[in-house]
Amino acid sequence: MRTLIIDRILQEDGDPVTGYTPRSFQYFSEELRLSVNTITKIWQKFCEEFLLILKLREVRCGCVNGCGF
């Protein structure tokens, strides 16, 4: 379910860095037949984890590109 929600928002050009969603959470809620609260929480958690991974990669390699080296 988590992957389905994230993939669907990313397909619509959602941005995990800024948390931007091109459509309302209500739209995804109706489409996926899940609560707005579930959609919102999963997307926000994904965005937080995404940013954390980028920061960890930046610390590891010392560059701002987040290359992971």
N, C-alpha and C. Protein backbone atom coordinates (compact mmCIF):
# COMPACT_ATOMS: atom_id res chain seq x y z
N MET A 1 0.82 -1.19 0.00
CA MET A 1 0.00 0.00 0.00
C MET A 1 0.87 1.26 0.00
N ARG A 2 1.91 1.27 0.83
CA ARG A 2 2.79 2.43 0.92
C ARG A 2 3.42 2.74 -0.44
N THR A 3 3.92 1.71 -1.07
CA THR A 3 4.57 1.87 -2.38
C THR A 3 3.56 2.36 -3.41
N LEU A 4 2.36 1.86 -3.37
CA LEU A 4 1.32 2.28 -4.30
C LEU A 4 1.02 3.77 -4.17
N ILE A 5 0.90 4.24 -2.93
CA ILE A 5 0.63 5.65 -2.69
C ILE A 5 1.78 6.52 -3.19
N ILE A 6 2.99 6.16 -2.81
CA ILE A 6 4.17 6.95 -3.20
C ILE A 6 4.34 6.95 -4.71
N ASP A 7 4.25 5.78 -5.32
CA ASP A 7 4.39 5.68 -6.78
C ASP A 7 3.35 6.53 -7.50
N ARG A 8 2.14 6.51 -6.99
CA ARG A 8 1.06 7.27 -7.64
C ARG A 8 1.31 8.77 -7.57
N ILE A 9 1.76 9.25 -6.42
CA ILE A 9 2.05 10.68 -6.27
C ILE A 9 3.25 11.06 -7.13
N LEU A 10 4.27 10.21 -7.18
CA LEU A 10 5.44 10.49 -8.01
C LEU A 10 5.08 10.48 -9.50
N GLN A 11 4.15 9.62 -9.91
CA GLN A 11 3.70 9.60 -11.30
C GLN A 11 3.07 10.92 -11.71
N GLU A 12 2.47 11.58 -10.75
CA GLU A 12 1.84 12.88 -11.01
C GLU A 12 2.83 14.04 -10.80
N ASP A 13 4.11 13.71 -10.73
CA ASP A 13 5.19 14.70 -10.55
C ASP A 13 5.24 15.29 -9.15
N GLY A 14 4.92 14.49 -8.16
CA GLY A 14 5.12 14.92 -6.78
C GLY A 14 6.61 15.05 -6.51
N ASP A 15 6.99 15.96 -5.65
CA ASP A 15 8.40 16.23 -5.35
C ASP A 15 8.68 15.91 -3.88
N PRO A 16 9.46 14.84 -3.62
CA PRO A 16 9.74 14.48 -2.23
C PRO A 16 10.68 15.44 -1.52
N VAL A 17 11.41 16.25 -2.25
CA VAL A 17 12.31 17.22 -1.62
C VAL A 17 11.50 18.36 -1.00
N THR A 18 10.52 18.85 -1.73
CA THR A 18 9.71 19.97 -1.24
C THR A 18 8.41 19.51 -0.59
N GLY A 19 8.02 18.25 -0.82
CA GLY A 19 6.76 17.74 -0.32
C GLY A 19 5.58 18.10 -1.21
N TYR A 20 5.88 18.71 -2.35
CA TYR A 20 4.83 19.15 -3.27
C TYR A 20 4.05 17.97 -3.84
N THR A 21 2.74 18.13 -3.86
CA THR A 21 1.88 17.16 -4.54
C THR A 21 1.05 17.94 -5.56
N PRO A 22 1.02 17.46 -6.81
CA PRO A 22 0.33 18.17 -7.87
C PRO A 22 -1.19 18.17 -7.74
N ARG A 23 -1.68 17.26 -6.98
CA ARG A 23 -3.13 17.16 -6.75
C ARG A 23 -3.36 17.10 -5.24
N SER A 24 -4.57 17.28 -4.85
CA SER A 24 -4.89 17.25 -3.42
C SER A 24 -4.80 15.82 -2.88
N PHE A 25 -4.59 15.72 -1.58
CA PHE A 25 -4.60 14.40 -0.96
C PHE A 25 -5.98 13.77 -1.09
N GLN A 26 -6.99 14.60 -1.15
CA GLN A 26 -8.36 14.11 -1.34
C GLN A 26 -8.48 13.37 -2.68
N TYR A 27 -7.85 13.91 -3.72
CA TYR A 27 -7.88 13.28 -5.04
C TYR A 27 -7.29 11.87 -4.96
N PHE A 28 -6.10 11.76 -4.35
CA PHE A 28 -5.47 10.44 -4.24
C PHE A 28 -6.26 9.52 -3.32
N SER A 29 -6.86 10.09 -2.29
CA SER A 29 -7.68 9.32 -1.38
C SER A 29 -8.86 8.66 -2.10
N GLU A 30 -9.54 9.43 -2.92
CA GLU A 30 -10.68 8.89 -3.66
C GLU A 30 -10.24 7.87 -4.71
N GLU A 31 -9.13 8.17 -5.37
CA GLU A 31 -8.64 7.26 -6.41
C GLU A 31 -8.19 5.92 -5.83
N LEU A 32 -7.48 5.96 -4.71
CA LEU A 32 -6.92 4.74 -4.12
C LEU A 32 -7.83 4.12 -3.06
N ARG A 33 -8.95 4.81 -2.77
CA ARG A 33 -9.92 4.33 -1.78
C ARG A 33 -9.28 4.12 -0.41
N LEU A 34 -8.51 5.13 -0.02
CA LEU A 34 -7.89 5.16 1.30
C LEU A 34 -8.21 6.51 1.94
N SER A 35 -8.03 6.61 3.24
CA SER A 35 -8.35 7.87 3.91
C SER A 35 -7.32 8.95 3.56
N VAL A 36 -7.78 10.18 3.61
CA VAL A 36 -6.89 11.32 3.37
C VAL A 36 -5.75 11.30 4.38
N ASN A 37 -6.08 10.96 5.62
CA ASN A 37 -5.08 10.91 6.68
C ASN A 37 -3.97 9.90 6.35
N THR A 38 -4.34 8.74 5.84
CA THR A 38 -3.36 7.72 5.47
C THR A 38 -2.46 8.21 4.36
N ILE A 39 -3.04 8.77 3.32
CA ILE A 39 -2.27 9.29 2.19
C ILE A 39 -1.29 10.36 2.67
N THR A 40 -1.78 11.29 3.46
CA THR A 40 -0.97 12.40 3.96
C THR A 40 0.20 11.90 4.80
N LYS A 41 -0.07 11.03 5.74
CA LYS A 41 0.98 10.52 6.63
C LYS A 41 2.06 9.76 5.86
N ILE A 42 1.64 8.92 4.93
CA ILE A 42 2.61 8.13 4.18
C ILE A 42 3.48 9.03 3.30
N TRP A 43 2.88 10.02 2.63
CA TRP A 43 3.65 10.92 1.78
C TRP A 43 4.62 11.76 2.62
N GLN A 44 4.16 12.30 3.74
CA GLN A 44 5.02 13.11 4.59
C GLN A 44 6.18 12.30 5.15
N LYS A 45 5.92 11.08 5.56
CA LYS A 45 6.98 10.21 6.09
C LYS A 45 7.99 9.90 4.98
N PHE A 46 7.51 9.61 3.79
CA PHE A 46 8.40 9.34 2.67
C PHE A 46 9.30 10.54 2.39
N CYS A 47 8.74 11.74 2.40
CA CYS A 47 9.52 12.95 2.13
C CYS A 47 10.59 13.15 3.20
N GLU A 48 10.24 12.92 4.46
CA GLU A 48 11.21 13.04 5.55
C GLU A 48 12.35 12.05 5.38
N GLU A 49 12.03 10.81 5.06
CA GLU A 49 13.05 9.77 4.87
C GLU A 49 13.92 10.09 3.66
N PHE A 50 13.32 10.60 2.59
CA PHE A 50 14.04 10.95 1.38
C PHE A 50 15.08 12.03 1.68
N LEU A 51 14.67 13.06 2.41
CA LEU A 51 15.59 14.14 2.76
C LEU A 51 16.70 13.65 3.67
N LEU A 52 16.39 12.77 4.59
CA LEU A 52 17.40 12.21 5.48
C LEU A 52 18.45 11.44 4.70
N ILE A 53 18.01 10.64 3.76
CA ILE A 53 18.94 9.87 2.92
C ILE A 53 19.85 10.80 2.13
N LEU A 54 19.29 11.86 1.56
CA LEU A 54 20.11 12.82 0.82
C LEU A 54 21.15 13.47 1.72
N LYS A 55 20.77 13.83 2.93
CA LYS A 55 21.71 14.45 3.87
C LYS A 55 22.81 13.48 4.28
N LEU A 56 22.46 12.23 4.52
CA LEU A 56 23.46 11.23 4.89
C LEU A 56 24.45 11.00 3.76
N ARG A 57 23.98 10.98 2.55
CA ARG A 57 24.87 10.81 1.40
C ARG A 57 25.80 12.01 1.26
N GLU A 58 25.28 13.19 1.50
CA GLU A 58 26.09 14.40 1.40
C GLU A 58 27.21 14.38 2.44
N VAL A 59 26.89 13.95 3.65
CA VAL A 59 27.89 13.87 4.71
C VAL A 59 28.95 12.83 4.36
N ARG A 60 28.53 11.71 3.83
CA ARG A 60 29.44 10.62 3.51
C ARG A 60 30.45 11.02 2.44
N CYS A 61 30.02 11.69 1.40
CA CYS A 61 30.92 11.99 0.30
C CYS A 61 31.45 13.43 0.34
N GLY A 62 30.80 14.28 1.08
CA GLY A 62 31.25 15.66 1.19
C GLY A 62 30.82 16.56 0.03
N CYS A 63 30.03 16.06 -0.86
CA CYS A 63 29.57 16.90 -1.97
C CYS A 63 28.10 17.26 -1.77
N VAL A 64 27.63 18.18 -2.54
CA VAL A 64 26.24 18.61 -2.42
C VAL A 64 25.32 17.87 -3.38
N ASN A 65 25.87 16.98 -4.21
CA ASN A 65 25.07 16.26 -5.19
C ASN A 65 24.40 15.02 -4.61
N GLY A 66 24.82 14.63 -3.40
CA GLY A 66 24.23 13.44 -2.80
C GLY A 66 24.57 12.17 -3.56
N CYS A 67 25.79 12.09 -4.07
CA CYS A 67 26.17 10.97 -4.94
C CYS A 67 26.36 9.67 -4.17
N GLY A 68 26.64 9.74 -2.87
CA GLY A 68 26.77 8.51 -2.08
C GLY A 68 28.17 7.97 -1.99
N PHE A 69 29.16 8.65 -2.50
CA PHE A 69 30.54 8.15 -2.44
C PHE A 69 31.29 8.75 -1.28
